[in-house]
């Protein structure tokens, strides 16, 4: 979590709302009014969008300290659901807009927009050009850079497969392979990443 976002968050003071959610509970649905911006305090969230052909794709997973629900339109275009028991913080968009002239808030919003766009652009490139194993290693590196150490992946294998346009069987085989090499460690059906070395094929292709 950056210093800018911390300072911006404190700026909102008593307008911050905290809510507990059980696993697989919906935070907001596509079609709902886009009235709040959210941050994961504990647990995790996945954001899914239904495509024009009726299929859906998980756009991104969010863990502790990460923001979600940022968009320009007044109506939600995707659905957010918890991947584990979670505490979610939120602040009304009207409060953010009222503070938009604050330097820290401006920097924070710019940072959020750039981060979201960059991830989605990389995801398109990864799915279009990389092999199954390269996609999975890219995702692990995004979730647990070497500078931060390990992080537990709270999503299911099916969710991972959906996000990376792979099959659940392929995800299972990749988890087995990377467990053998020591990159990840299985615990209670989930895959905590242990000191993943970092792998950025998108950047290497530049």
N, C-alpha and C. Protein backbone atom coordinates (compact mmCIF):
# COMPACT_ATOMS: atom_id res chain seq x y z
N UNK A 1 0.85 -1.19 0.00
CA UNK A 1 0.00 0.00 0.00
C UNK A 1 0.89 1.24 0.00
N UNK A 2 0.68 2.16 -0.90
CA UNK A 2 1.55 3.33 -1.02
C UNK A 2 1.24 4.38 0.03
N UNK A 3 2.23 5.25 0.29
CA UNK A 3 2.03 6.35 1.22
C UNK A 3 0.94 7.28 0.74
N UNK A 4 0.89 7.51 -0.57
CA UNK A 4 -0.13 8.39 -1.14
C UNK A 4 -1.52 7.87 -0.81
N UNK A 5 -1.77 6.58 -1.01
CA UNK A 5 -3.09 6.04 -0.75
C UNK A 5 -3.44 6.09 0.73
N UNK A 6 -2.45 5.87 1.59
CA UNK A 6 -2.69 5.98 3.04
C UNK A 6 -3.13 7.39 3.41
N UNK A 7 -2.43 8.39 2.89
CA UNK A 7 -2.75 9.78 3.21
C UNK A 7 -4.12 10.16 2.66
N UNK A 8 -4.41 9.65 1.46
CA UNK A 8 -5.72 9.93 0.87
C UNK A 8 -6.83 9.27 1.69
N UNK A 9 -6.58 8.04 2.15
CA UNK A 9 -7.59 7.31 2.93
C UNK A 9 -7.88 8.03 4.24
N UNK A 10 -6.85 8.46 4.92
CA UNK A 10 -7.04 9.19 6.18
C UNK A 10 -7.83 10.46 5.94
N UNK A 11 -7.67 11.06 4.77
CA UNK A 11 -8.36 12.30 4.45
C UNK A 11 -9.88 12.12 4.48
N UNK A 12 -10.36 10.90 4.26
CA UNK A 12 -11.80 10.66 4.21
C UNK A 12 -12.42 10.48 5.59
N UNK A 13 -11.60 10.30 6.60
CA UNK A 13 -12.04 10.31 7.99
C UNK A 13 -13.22 9.42 8.30
N UNK A 14 -14.27 10.00 8.89
CA UNK A 14 -15.42 9.23 9.38
C UNK A 14 -16.33 8.74 8.26
N UNK A 15 -16.03 9.07 7.01
CA UNK A 15 -16.86 8.61 5.89
C UNK A 15 -16.51 7.19 5.46
N UNK A 16 -15.50 6.59 6.08
CA UNK A 16 -15.11 5.22 5.75
C UNK A 16 -16.07 4.24 6.40
N UNK A 17 -16.57 3.30 5.61
CA UNK A 17 -17.48 2.27 6.12
C UNK A 17 -16.75 0.93 6.13
N UNK A 18 -16.95 0.15 7.22
CA UNK A 18 -16.36 -1.18 7.33
C UNK A 18 -17.48 -2.21 7.34
N UNK A 19 -17.30 -3.28 6.59
CA UNK A 19 -18.33 -4.32 6.56
C UNK A 19 -17.68 -5.70 6.46
N UNK A 20 -18.18 -6.63 7.24
CA UNK A 20 -17.70 -8.01 7.19
C UNK A 20 -18.52 -8.81 6.18
N UNK A 21 -17.82 -9.66 5.41
CA UNK A 21 -18.47 -10.51 4.43
C UNK A 21 -18.00 -11.95 4.62
N UNK A 22 -18.91 -12.89 4.44
CA UNK A 22 -18.52 -14.28 4.42
C UNK A 22 -17.92 -14.64 3.07
N UNK A 23 -17.41 -15.85 2.94
CA UNK A 23 -16.85 -16.30 1.67
C UNK A 23 -17.93 -16.36 0.60
N UNK A 24 -17.57 -15.93 -0.60
CA UNK A 24 -18.45 -15.93 -1.78
C UNK A 24 -19.66 -15.02 -1.63
N UNK A 25 -19.55 -14.01 -0.80
CA UNK A 25 -20.62 -13.02 -0.71
C UNK A 25 -20.39 -11.92 -1.74
N UNK A 26 -21.48 -11.39 -2.27
CA UNK A 26 -21.40 -10.34 -3.28
C UNK A 26 -21.23 -8.97 -2.62
N UNK A 27 -20.24 -8.23 -3.07
CA UNK A 27 -20.02 -6.86 -2.59
C UNK A 27 -20.85 -5.89 -3.43
N UNK A 28 -20.81 -6.06 -4.75
CA UNK A 28 -21.72 -5.33 -5.64
C UNK A 28 -21.91 -6.16 -6.91
N UNK A 29 -23.01 -5.88 -7.62
CA UNK A 29 -23.35 -6.61 -8.84
C UNK A 29 -23.32 -5.69 -10.05
N UNK A 30 -23.09 -6.27 -11.21
CA UNK A 30 -23.22 -5.52 -12.46
C UNK A 30 -24.64 -4.97 -12.54
N UNK A 31 -24.76 -3.69 -12.85
CA UNK A 31 -26.06 -3.04 -12.91
C UNK A 31 -26.38 -2.21 -11.68
N UNK A 32 -25.64 -2.44 -10.58
CA UNK A 32 -25.83 -1.63 -9.37
C UNK A 32 -25.30 -0.21 -9.60
N UNK A 33 -25.82 0.77 -8.89
CA UNK A 33 -25.23 2.12 -8.95
C UNK A 33 -23.78 2.08 -8.45
N UNK A 34 -22.89 2.76 -9.15
CA UNK A 34 -21.47 2.80 -8.74
C UNK A 34 -21.28 3.97 -7.78
N UNK A 35 -21.60 3.74 -6.52
CA UNK A 35 -21.64 4.82 -5.53
C UNK A 35 -20.48 4.83 -4.56
N UNK A 36 -19.68 3.75 -4.53
CA UNK A 36 -18.61 3.67 -3.54
C UNK A 36 -17.34 3.08 -4.16
N UNK A 37 -16.20 3.41 -3.55
CA UNK A 37 -14.92 2.80 -3.89
C UNK A 37 -14.52 1.94 -2.70
N UNK A 38 -13.92 0.77 -2.98
CA UNK A 38 -13.70 -0.22 -1.93
C UNK A 38 -12.22 -0.55 -1.75
N UNK A 39 -11.90 -1.00 -0.53
CA UNK A 39 -10.57 -1.53 -0.26
C UNK A 39 -10.69 -2.79 0.57
N UNK A 40 -9.89 -3.80 0.22
CA UNK A 40 -9.86 -5.04 1.00
C UNK A 40 -9.00 -4.81 2.24
N UNK A 41 -9.60 -4.98 3.39
CA UNK A 41 -8.82 -4.88 4.64
C UNK A 41 -8.25 -6.24 4.99
N UNK A 42 -9.10 -7.28 4.99
CA UNK A 42 -8.64 -8.66 5.16
C UNK A 42 -9.42 -9.53 4.18
N UNK A 43 -8.84 -10.66 3.82
CA UNK A 43 -9.52 -11.57 2.90
C UNK A 43 -9.16 -11.29 1.45
N UNK A 44 -10.14 -11.47 0.57
CA UNK A 44 -9.89 -11.27 -0.86
C UNK A 44 -11.18 -11.09 -1.63
N UNK A 45 -11.05 -10.55 -2.85
CA UNK A 45 -12.19 -10.26 -3.71
C UNK A 45 -11.81 -10.59 -5.15
N UNK A 46 -12.79 -11.08 -5.91
CA UNK A 46 -12.62 -11.25 -7.35
C UNK A 46 -13.66 -10.40 -8.05
N UNK A 47 -13.28 -9.83 -9.19
CA UNK A 47 -14.20 -9.01 -9.98
C UNK A 47 -14.40 -9.71 -11.32
N UNK A 48 -15.66 -9.97 -11.65
CA UNK A 48 -16.01 -10.74 -12.84
C UNK A 48 -16.94 -9.92 -13.74
N UNK A 49 -16.70 -10.01 -15.04
CA UNK A 49 -17.55 -9.33 -16.02
C UNK A 49 -18.13 -10.35 -16.99
N UNK A 50 -19.42 -10.19 -17.30
CA UNK A 50 -20.08 -11.04 -18.30
C UNK A 50 -19.81 -10.46 -19.68
N UNK A 51 -19.34 -11.29 -20.59
CA UNK A 51 -18.99 -10.85 -21.94
C UNK A 51 -20.22 -10.85 -22.85
N UNK A 52 -20.15 -10.16 -23.99
CA UNK A 52 -21.30 -10.09 -24.90
C UNK A 52 -21.82 -11.45 -25.37
N UNK A 53 -20.92 -12.46 -25.43
CA UNK A 53 -21.34 -13.79 -25.88
C UNK A 53 -21.96 -14.62 -24.76
N UNK A 54 -22.14 -14.03 -23.60
CA UNK A 54 -22.76 -14.73 -22.49
C UNK A 54 -21.78 -15.37 -21.53
N UNK A 55 -20.53 -15.53 -21.97
CA UNK A 55 -19.50 -16.08 -21.09
C UNK A 55 -19.02 -14.99 -20.13
N UNK A 56 -18.31 -15.40 -19.10
CA UNK A 56 -17.79 -14.42 -18.16
C UNK A 56 -16.31 -14.66 -17.93
N UNK A 57 -15.63 -13.64 -17.45
CA UNK A 57 -14.20 -13.76 -17.12
C UNK A 57 -13.91 -12.97 -15.86
N UNK A 58 -13.08 -13.56 -15.01
CA UNK A 58 -12.60 -12.85 -13.84
C UNK A 58 -11.51 -11.88 -14.31
N UNK A 59 -11.75 -10.60 -14.10
CA UNK A 59 -10.82 -9.57 -14.56
C UNK A 59 -9.61 -9.43 -13.66
N UNK A 60 -9.84 -9.55 -12.35
CA UNK A 60 -8.74 -9.35 -11.41
C UNK A 60 -9.11 -9.85 -10.03
N UNK A 61 -8.09 -10.26 -9.28
CA UNK A 61 -8.24 -10.60 -7.87
C UNK A 61 -7.61 -9.49 -7.03
N UNK A 62 -8.20 -9.23 -5.87
CA UNK A 62 -7.69 -8.18 -4.98
C UNK A 62 -7.46 -8.76 -3.60
N UNK A 63 -6.31 -8.41 -3.00
CA UNK A 63 -5.97 -8.87 -1.67
C UNK A 63 -5.91 -7.71 -0.69
N UNK A 64 -5.49 -7.97 0.55
CA UNK A 64 -5.44 -6.94 1.59
C UNK A 64 -4.67 -5.69 1.15
N UNK A 65 -5.30 -4.53 1.38
CA UNK A 65 -4.68 -3.26 1.04
C UNK A 65 -4.98 -2.78 -0.36
N UNK A 66 -5.61 -3.61 -1.19
CA UNK A 66 -5.85 -3.24 -2.58
C UNK A 66 -7.25 -2.67 -2.76
N UNK A 67 -7.35 -1.72 -3.70
CA UNK A 67 -8.59 -1.02 -3.99
C UNK A 67 -9.31 -1.66 -5.17
N UNK A 68 -10.63 -1.61 -5.17
CA UNK A 68 -11.39 -2.10 -6.32
C UNK A 68 -12.70 -1.32 -6.43
N UNK A 69 -13.33 -1.45 -7.60
CA UNK A 69 -14.58 -0.73 -7.83
C UNK A 69 -14.40 0.63 -8.47
N UNK A 70 -13.20 0.89 -8.99
CA UNK A 70 -12.93 2.17 -9.63
C UNK A 70 -13.45 2.13 -11.07
N UNK A 71 -14.34 3.05 -11.44
CA UNK A 71 -14.83 3.14 -12.81
C UNK A 71 -15.43 4.51 -13.05
N UNK A 72 -15.59 4.85 -14.34
CA UNK A 72 -16.07 6.17 -14.72
C UNK A 72 -17.59 6.23 -14.82
N UNK A 73 -18.22 5.13 -15.22
CA UNK A 73 -19.67 5.14 -15.42
C UNK A 73 -20.42 5.10 -14.10
N UNK A 74 -21.69 5.51 -14.15
CA UNK A 74 -22.51 5.59 -12.93
C UNK A 74 -23.12 4.25 -12.54
N UNK A 75 -22.99 3.26 -13.42
CA UNK A 75 -23.56 1.93 -13.16
C UNK A 75 -22.46 0.88 -13.23
N UNK A 76 -22.48 -0.07 -12.33
CA UNK A 76 -21.47 -1.12 -12.29
C UNK A 76 -21.51 -1.97 -13.56
N UNK A 77 -20.34 -2.25 -14.11
CA UNK A 77 -20.24 -3.07 -15.30
C UNK A 77 -19.71 -4.47 -14.98
N UNK A 78 -19.41 -4.73 -13.71
CA UNK A 78 -18.89 -6.02 -13.30
C UNK A 78 -19.41 -6.34 -11.89
N UNK A 79 -19.21 -7.58 -11.48
CA UNK A 79 -19.66 -8.04 -10.17
C UNK A 79 -18.46 -8.37 -9.30
N UNK A 80 -18.47 -7.94 -8.04
CA UNK A 80 -17.39 -8.21 -7.09
C UNK A 80 -17.89 -9.19 -6.04
N UNK A 81 -17.11 -10.22 -5.78
CA UNK A 81 -17.48 -11.26 -4.82
C UNK A 81 -16.25 -11.64 -4.00
N UNK A 82 -16.45 -11.91 -2.71
CA UNK A 82 -15.34 -12.29 -1.85
C UNK A 82 -14.87 -13.70 -2.18
N UNK A 83 -13.58 -13.94 -2.02
CA UNK A 83 -13.01 -15.27 -2.21
C UNK A 83 -12.73 -15.95 -0.88
N UNK A 84 -12.94 -15.22 0.21
CA UNK A 84 -12.75 -15.73 1.57
C UNK A 84 -13.50 -14.81 2.51
N UNK A 85 -13.65 -15.21 3.76
CA UNK A 85 -14.22 -14.29 4.75
C UNK A 85 -13.38 -13.02 4.75
N UNK A 86 -14.03 -11.88 4.63
CA UNK A 86 -13.30 -10.63 4.38
C UNK A 86 -13.89 -9.46 5.16
N UNK A 87 -13.04 -8.47 5.39
CA UNK A 87 -13.49 -7.17 5.88
C UNK A 87 -13.21 -6.18 4.77
N UNK A 88 -14.26 -5.50 4.32
CA UNK A 88 -14.15 -4.57 3.19
C UNK A 88 -14.45 -3.15 3.68
N UNK A 89 -13.54 -2.24 3.35
CA UNK A 89 -13.75 -0.82 3.65
C UNK A 89 -14.23 -0.12 2.39
N UNK A 90 -15.01 0.94 2.56
CA UNK A 90 -15.47 1.69 1.39
C UNK A 90 -15.69 3.15 1.74
N UNK A 91 -15.70 3.96 0.70
CA UNK A 91 -15.95 5.39 0.87
C UNK A 91 -16.83 5.84 -0.30
N UNK A 92 -17.82 6.70 -0.08
CA UNK A 92 -18.70 7.14 -1.16
C UNK A 92 -17.95 7.94 -2.23
N UNK A 93 -18.34 7.74 -3.48
CA UNK A 93 -17.72 8.50 -4.57
C UNK A 93 -17.92 10.00 -4.39
N UNK A 94 -19.05 10.40 -3.82
CA UNK A 94 -19.30 11.83 -3.65
C UNK A 94 -18.28 12.46 -2.71
N UNK A 95 -17.81 11.70 -1.73
CA UNK A 95 -16.79 12.20 -0.81
C UNK A 95 -15.45 12.31 -1.53
N UNK A 96 -15.16 11.33 -2.37
CA UNK A 96 -13.91 11.37 -3.15
C UNK A 96 -13.93 12.56 -4.10
N UNK A 97 -15.06 12.75 -4.77
CA UNK A 97 -15.18 13.87 -5.71
C UNK A 97 -15.04 15.22 -5.00
N UNK A 98 -15.58 15.31 -3.79
CA UNK A 98 -15.49 16.55 -3.03
C UNK A 98 -14.06 16.86 -2.63
N UNK A 99 -13.23 15.79 -2.53
CA UNK A 99 -11.84 15.98 -2.11
C UNK A 99 -10.87 15.94 -3.30
N UNK A 100 -11.42 15.98 -4.51
CA UNK A 100 -10.61 15.78 -5.71
C UNK A 100 -9.52 16.84 -5.90
N UNK A 101 -9.67 18.00 -5.29
CA UNK A 101 -8.65 19.05 -5.42
C UNK A 101 -7.47 18.85 -4.48
N UNK A 102 -7.62 17.91 -3.55
CA UNK A 102 -6.52 17.61 -2.63
C UNK A 102 -5.40 16.91 -3.39
N UNK A 103 -4.16 17.34 -3.19
CA UNK A 103 -3.02 16.81 -3.94
C UNK A 103 -2.87 15.30 -3.75
N UNK A 104 -2.99 14.83 -2.50
CA UNK A 104 -2.83 13.41 -2.23
C UNK A 104 -3.92 12.59 -2.89
N UNK A 105 -5.13 13.09 -2.87
CA UNK A 105 -6.25 12.38 -3.48
C UNK A 105 -6.06 12.31 -5.00
N UNK A 106 -5.61 13.40 -5.62
CA UNK A 106 -5.36 13.41 -7.06
C UNK A 106 -4.29 12.37 -7.43
N UNK A 107 -3.20 12.36 -6.68
CA UNK A 107 -2.12 11.42 -6.96
C UNK A 107 -2.59 9.98 -6.77
N UNK A 108 -3.35 9.77 -5.73
CA UNK A 108 -3.86 8.44 -5.41
C UNK A 108 -4.79 7.93 -6.51
N UNK A 109 -5.72 8.76 -6.98
CA UNK A 109 -6.64 8.35 -8.02
C UNK A 109 -5.90 8.07 -9.33
N UNK A 110 -4.92 8.89 -9.65
CA UNK A 110 -4.12 8.65 -10.85
C UNK A 110 -3.39 7.33 -10.76
N UNK A 111 -2.83 7.06 -9.60
CA UNK A 111 -2.12 5.80 -9.36
C UNK A 111 -3.05 4.60 -9.54
N UNK A 112 -4.25 4.70 -9.00
CA UNK A 112 -5.22 3.61 -9.12
C UNK A 112 -5.60 3.36 -10.57
N UNK A 113 -5.88 4.43 -11.31
CA UNK A 113 -6.25 4.29 -12.72
C UNK A 113 -5.13 3.64 -13.52
N UNK A 114 -3.91 4.09 -13.33
CA UNK A 114 -2.77 3.56 -14.07
C UNK A 114 -2.55 2.09 -13.73
N UNK A 115 -2.64 1.76 -12.46
CA UNK A 115 -2.42 0.38 -12.02
C UNK A 115 -3.46 -0.57 -12.61
N UNK A 116 -4.71 -0.16 -12.58
CA UNK A 116 -5.77 -1.01 -13.12
C UNK A 116 -5.59 -1.22 -14.63
N UNK A 117 -5.36 -0.13 -15.34
CA UNK A 117 -5.21 -0.21 -16.79
C UNK A 117 -3.99 -1.05 -17.17
N UNK A 118 -2.90 -0.87 -16.46
CA UNK A 118 -1.67 -1.61 -16.76
C UNK A 118 -1.88 -3.11 -16.58
N UNK A 119 -2.56 -3.49 -15.49
CA UNK A 119 -2.79 -4.92 -15.24
C UNK A 119 -3.65 -5.53 -16.34
N UNK A 120 -4.73 -4.86 -16.71
CA UNK A 120 -5.63 -5.40 -17.72
C UNK A 120 -4.95 -5.49 -19.09
N UNK A 121 -4.11 -4.50 -19.41
CA UNK A 121 -3.36 -4.56 -20.67
C UNK A 121 -2.39 -5.73 -20.66
N UNK A 122 -1.71 -5.93 -19.55
CA UNK A 122 -0.79 -7.06 -19.44
C UNK A 122 -1.53 -8.39 -19.53
N UNK A 123 -2.71 -8.46 -18.90
CA UNK A 123 -3.50 -9.70 -18.93
C UNK A 123 -3.88 -10.08 -20.36
N UNK A 124 -4.29 -9.10 -21.16
CA UNK A 124 -4.63 -9.37 -22.57
C UNK A 124 -3.42 -9.92 -23.31
N UNK A 125 -2.25 -9.32 -23.08
CA UNK A 125 -1.02 -9.77 -23.74
C UNK A 125 -0.65 -11.17 -23.30
N UNK A 126 -0.74 -11.43 -22.01
CA UNK A 126 -0.39 -12.73 -21.44
C UNK A 126 -1.26 -13.83 -22.02
N UNK A 127 -2.58 -13.62 -22.04
CA UNK A 127 -3.50 -14.63 -22.55
C UNK A 127 -3.29 -14.85 -24.05
N UNK A 128 -3.00 -13.77 -24.76
CA UNK A 128 -2.86 -13.88 -26.20
C UNK A 128 -1.55 -14.47 -26.70
N UNK A 129 -0.47 -14.31 -25.92
CA UNK A 129 0.85 -14.66 -26.45
C UNK A 129 1.63 -15.70 -25.65
N UNK A 130 1.28 -15.94 -24.39
CA UNK A 130 2.11 -16.81 -23.56
C UNK A 130 1.53 -18.20 -23.40
N UNK A 131 2.41 -19.15 -23.10
CA UNK A 131 1.99 -20.53 -22.85
C UNK A 131 1.28 -20.62 -21.50
N UNK A 132 0.67 -21.77 -21.23
CA UNK A 132 -0.04 -21.97 -19.97
C UNK A 132 0.88 -21.76 -18.77
N UNK A 133 2.07 -22.33 -18.81
CA UNK A 133 2.98 -22.19 -17.68
C UNK A 133 3.46 -20.76 -17.54
N UNK A 134 3.72 -20.09 -18.64
CA UNK A 134 4.15 -18.68 -18.57
C UNK A 134 3.05 -17.81 -17.98
N UNK A 135 1.81 -18.08 -18.34
CA UNK A 135 0.69 -17.32 -17.77
C UNK A 135 0.63 -17.49 -16.27
N UNK A 136 0.76 -18.73 -15.82
CA UNK A 136 0.65 -19.02 -14.39
C UNK A 136 1.81 -18.40 -13.62
N UNK A 137 3.01 -18.48 -14.16
CA UNK A 137 4.17 -17.87 -13.49
C UNK A 137 4.03 -16.35 -13.45
N UNK A 138 3.52 -15.77 -14.52
CA UNK A 138 3.27 -14.31 -14.53
C UNK A 138 2.30 -13.94 -13.42
N UNK A 139 1.22 -14.71 -13.31
CA UNK A 139 0.22 -14.42 -12.30
C UNK A 139 0.83 -14.52 -10.89
N UNK A 140 1.60 -15.54 -10.62
CA UNK A 140 2.24 -15.69 -9.31
C UNK A 140 3.16 -14.52 -9.00
N UNK A 141 3.93 -14.11 -10.01
CA UNK A 141 4.84 -12.99 -9.82
C UNK A 141 4.08 -11.70 -9.53
N UNK A 142 2.91 -11.53 -10.17
CA UNK A 142 2.09 -10.35 -9.91
C UNK A 142 1.53 -10.37 -8.50
N UNK A 143 1.19 -11.56 -8.01
CA UNK A 143 0.59 -11.68 -6.68
C UNK A 143 1.62 -11.59 -5.57
N UNK A 144 2.81 -12.09 -5.81
CA UNK A 144 3.82 -12.16 -4.74
C UNK A 144 5.21 -11.85 -5.26
N UNK A 145 5.48 -10.58 -5.57
CA UNK A 145 6.83 -10.20 -6.00
C UNK A 145 7.87 -10.57 -4.95
N UNK A 146 9.09 -10.81 -5.41
CA UNK A 146 10.17 -11.23 -4.50
C UNK A 146 10.39 -10.22 -3.38
N UNK A 147 10.12 -8.96 -3.64
CA UNK A 147 10.36 -7.93 -2.63
C UNK A 147 9.37 -7.99 -1.47
N UNK A 148 8.21 -8.68 -1.70
CA UNK A 148 7.20 -8.73 -0.65
C UNK A 148 7.13 -10.08 0.04
N UNK A 149 7.81 -11.11 -0.50
CA UNK A 149 7.70 -12.43 0.08
C UNK A 149 6.45 -13.14 -0.38
N UNK A 150 6.01 -14.12 0.43
CA UNK A 150 4.90 -14.97 0.03
C UNK A 150 3.54 -14.36 0.34
N UNK A 151 2.53 -14.86 -0.38
CA UNK A 151 1.16 -14.44 -0.13
C UNK A 151 0.25 -15.62 -0.46
N UNK A 152 -0.78 -15.83 0.36
CA UNK A 152 -1.68 -16.94 0.13
C UNK A 152 -2.69 -16.61 -0.96
N UNK A 153 -2.86 -17.55 -1.88
CA UNK A 153 -3.85 -17.40 -2.94
C UNK A 153 -5.17 -17.98 -2.44
N UNK A 154 -6.16 -17.12 -2.23
CA UNK A 154 -7.42 -17.55 -1.65
C UNK A 154 -8.44 -17.99 -2.70
N UNK A 155 -8.13 -17.81 -3.97
CA UNK A 155 -9.06 -18.18 -5.02
C UNK A 155 -9.00 -19.69 -5.31
N UNK A 156 -10.04 -20.22 -5.93
CA UNK A 156 -10.07 -21.64 -6.28
C UNK A 156 -9.31 -21.88 -7.57
N UNK A 157 -9.03 -23.16 -7.85
CA UNK A 157 -8.38 -23.50 -9.11
C UNK A 157 -9.27 -23.12 -10.29
N UNK A 158 -10.57 -23.28 -10.12
CA UNK A 158 -11.50 -22.90 -11.17
C UNK A 158 -11.45 -21.41 -11.47
N UNK A 159 -11.33 -20.60 -10.41
CA UNK A 159 -11.23 -19.15 -10.60
C UNK A 159 -9.93 -18.78 -11.30
N UNK A 160 -8.83 -19.44 -10.91
CA UNK A 160 -7.56 -19.19 -11.58
C UNK A 160 -7.63 -19.55 -13.06
N UNK A 161 -8.25 -20.69 -13.34
CA UNK A 161 -8.40 -21.12 -14.73
C UNK A 161 -9.22 -20.10 -15.53
N UNK A 162 -10.30 -19.62 -14.94
CA UNK A 162 -11.14 -18.61 -15.59
C UNK A 162 -10.33 -17.35 -15.90
N UNK A 163 -9.57 -16.88 -14.93
CA UNK A 163 -8.82 -15.64 -15.08
C UNK A 163 -7.75 -15.74 -16.17
N UNK A 164 -7.09 -16.88 -16.26
CA UNK A 164 -5.97 -17.04 -17.18
C UNK A 164 -6.35 -17.76 -18.47
N UNK A 165 -7.66 -18.01 -18.67
CA UNK A 165 -8.15 -18.70 -19.87
C UNK A 165 -7.49 -20.06 -20.03
N UNK A 166 -7.46 -20.82 -18.94
CA UNK A 166 -6.92 -22.17 -18.93
C UNK A 166 -8.00 -23.12 -18.40
N UNK A 167 -7.70 -24.40 -18.35
CA UNK A 167 -8.63 -25.36 -17.77
C UNK A 167 -8.22 -25.63 -16.32
N UNK A 168 -9.17 -26.03 -15.45
CA UNK A 168 -8.82 -26.39 -14.07
C UNK A 168 -7.78 -27.50 -14.02
N UNK A 169 -7.86 -28.44 -14.97
CA UNK A 169 -6.87 -29.52 -14.99
C UNK A 169 -5.47 -29.00 -15.25
N UNK A 170 -5.35 -28.02 -16.14
CA UNK A 170 -4.04 -27.42 -16.41
C UNK A 170 -3.51 -26.70 -15.19
N UNK A 171 -4.38 -25.99 -14.48
CA UNK A 171 -3.96 -25.30 -13.26
C UNK A 171 -3.46 -26.32 -12.23
N UNK A 172 -4.15 -27.44 -12.08
CA UNK A 172 -3.74 -28.49 -11.13
C UNK A 172 -2.36 -29.02 -11.49
N UNK A 173 -2.12 -29.28 -12.78
CA UNK A 173 -0.81 -29.78 -13.19
C UNK A 173 0.30 -28.76 -12.94
N UNK A 174 -0.01 -27.48 -13.20
CA UNK A 174 1.00 -26.44 -12.98
C UNK A 174 1.30 -26.26 -11.50
N UNK A 175 0.27 -26.34 -10.66
CA UNK A 175 0.49 -26.25 -9.22
C UNK A 175 1.39 -27.39 -8.76
N UNK A 176 1.13 -28.60 -9.28
CA UNK A 176 1.97 -29.75 -8.93
C UNK A 176 3.41 -29.54 -9.34
N UNK A 177 3.63 -29.04 -10.56
CA UNK A 177 4.97 -28.82 -11.07
C UNK A 177 5.71 -27.77 -10.25
N UNK A 178 5.04 -26.66 -9.94
CA UNK A 178 5.70 -25.59 -9.20
C UNK A 178 5.86 -25.93 -7.72
N UNK A 179 5.00 -26.80 -7.21
CA UNK A 179 5.18 -27.28 -5.84
C UNK A 179 6.45 -28.12 -5.75
N UNK A 180 6.66 -28.97 -6.75
CA UNK A 180 7.87 -29.80 -6.78
C UNK A 180 9.14 -28.96 -6.82
N UNK A 181 9.10 -27.85 -7.56
CA UNK A 181 10.30 -27.01 -7.66
C UNK A 181 10.45 -26.06 -6.48
N UNK A 182 9.42 -26.02 -5.60
CA UNK A 182 9.52 -25.20 -4.39
C UNK A 182 9.03 -23.78 -4.52
N UNK A 183 8.41 -23.43 -5.66
CA UNK A 183 7.92 -22.06 -5.84
C UNK A 183 6.66 -21.80 -5.03
N UNK A 184 5.84 -22.84 -4.86
CA UNK A 184 4.63 -22.70 -4.07
C UNK A 184 4.50 -23.89 -3.13
N UNK A 185 3.65 -23.73 -2.13
CA UNK A 185 3.42 -24.78 -1.14
C UNK A 185 1.92 -24.91 -0.91
N UNK A 186 1.40 -26.11 -1.02
CA UNK A 186 -0.03 -26.32 -0.86
C UNK A 186 -0.41 -26.43 0.61
N UNK A 187 -1.47 -25.72 1.01
CA UNK A 187 -1.98 -25.77 2.37
C UNK A 187 -3.50 -25.67 2.34
N UNK A 188 -4.17 -26.67 2.87
CA UNK A 188 -5.63 -26.66 2.97
C UNK A 188 -6.33 -26.37 1.64
N UNK A 189 -5.78 -26.90 0.57
CA UNK A 189 -6.43 -26.75 -0.72
C UNK A 189 -6.13 -25.45 -1.44
N UNK A 190 -5.39 -24.55 -0.78
CA UNK A 190 -5.01 -23.29 -1.43
C UNK A 190 -3.51 -23.31 -1.70
N UNK A 191 -3.02 -22.33 -2.39
CA UNK A 191 -1.61 -22.32 -2.77
C UNK A 191 -0.91 -21.06 -2.29
N UNK A 192 -0.34 -21.08 -1.07
CA UNK A 192 0.45 -19.91 -0.65
C UNK A 192 1.74 -19.85 -1.45
N UNK A 193 2.09 -18.70 -1.95
CA UNK A 193 3.33 -18.54 -2.70
C UNK A 193 4.46 -18.28 -1.72
N UNK A 194 5.51 -19.07 -1.82
CA UNK A 194 6.62 -18.95 -0.87
C UNK A 194 7.85 -18.37 -1.55
N UNK A 195 8.12 -17.09 -1.28
CA UNK A 195 9.32 -16.43 -1.79
C UNK A 195 9.46 -16.62 -3.30
N UNK A 196 8.37 -16.36 -4.04
CA UNK A 196 8.44 -16.54 -5.49
C UNK A 196 9.47 -15.59 -6.07
N UNK A 197 10.29 -16.09 -7.00
CA UNK A 197 11.48 -15.35 -7.44
C UNK A 197 11.17 -14.15 -8.33
N UNK A 198 9.95 -14.09 -8.87
CA UNK A 198 9.61 -12.98 -9.76
C UNK A 198 9.81 -13.37 -11.21
N UNK A 199 8.77 -13.15 -12.01
CA UNK A 199 8.81 -13.56 -13.42
C UNK A 199 7.92 -12.61 -14.18
N UNK A 200 8.49 -11.85 -15.10
CA UNK A 200 7.71 -10.83 -15.80
C UNK A 200 7.89 -10.94 -17.31
N UNK A 201 7.27 -11.98 -17.92
CA UNK A 201 7.44 -12.16 -19.37
C UNK A 201 6.89 -11.01 -20.19
N UNK A 202 5.89 -10.32 -19.70
CA UNK A 202 5.34 -9.18 -20.43
C UNK A 202 6.40 -8.10 -20.59
N UNK A 203 7.12 -7.83 -19.50
CA UNK A 203 8.15 -6.82 -19.55
C UNK A 203 9.34 -7.27 -20.41
N UNK A 204 9.63 -8.58 -20.36
CA UNK A 204 10.75 -9.10 -21.13
C UNK A 204 10.49 -9.01 -22.63
N UNK A 205 9.22 -8.98 -23.04
CA UNK A 205 8.90 -8.92 -24.46
C UNK A 205 8.98 -7.50 -25.02
N UNK A 206 9.08 -6.50 -24.12
CA UNK A 206 9.14 -5.12 -24.58
C UNK A 206 10.40 -4.86 -25.40
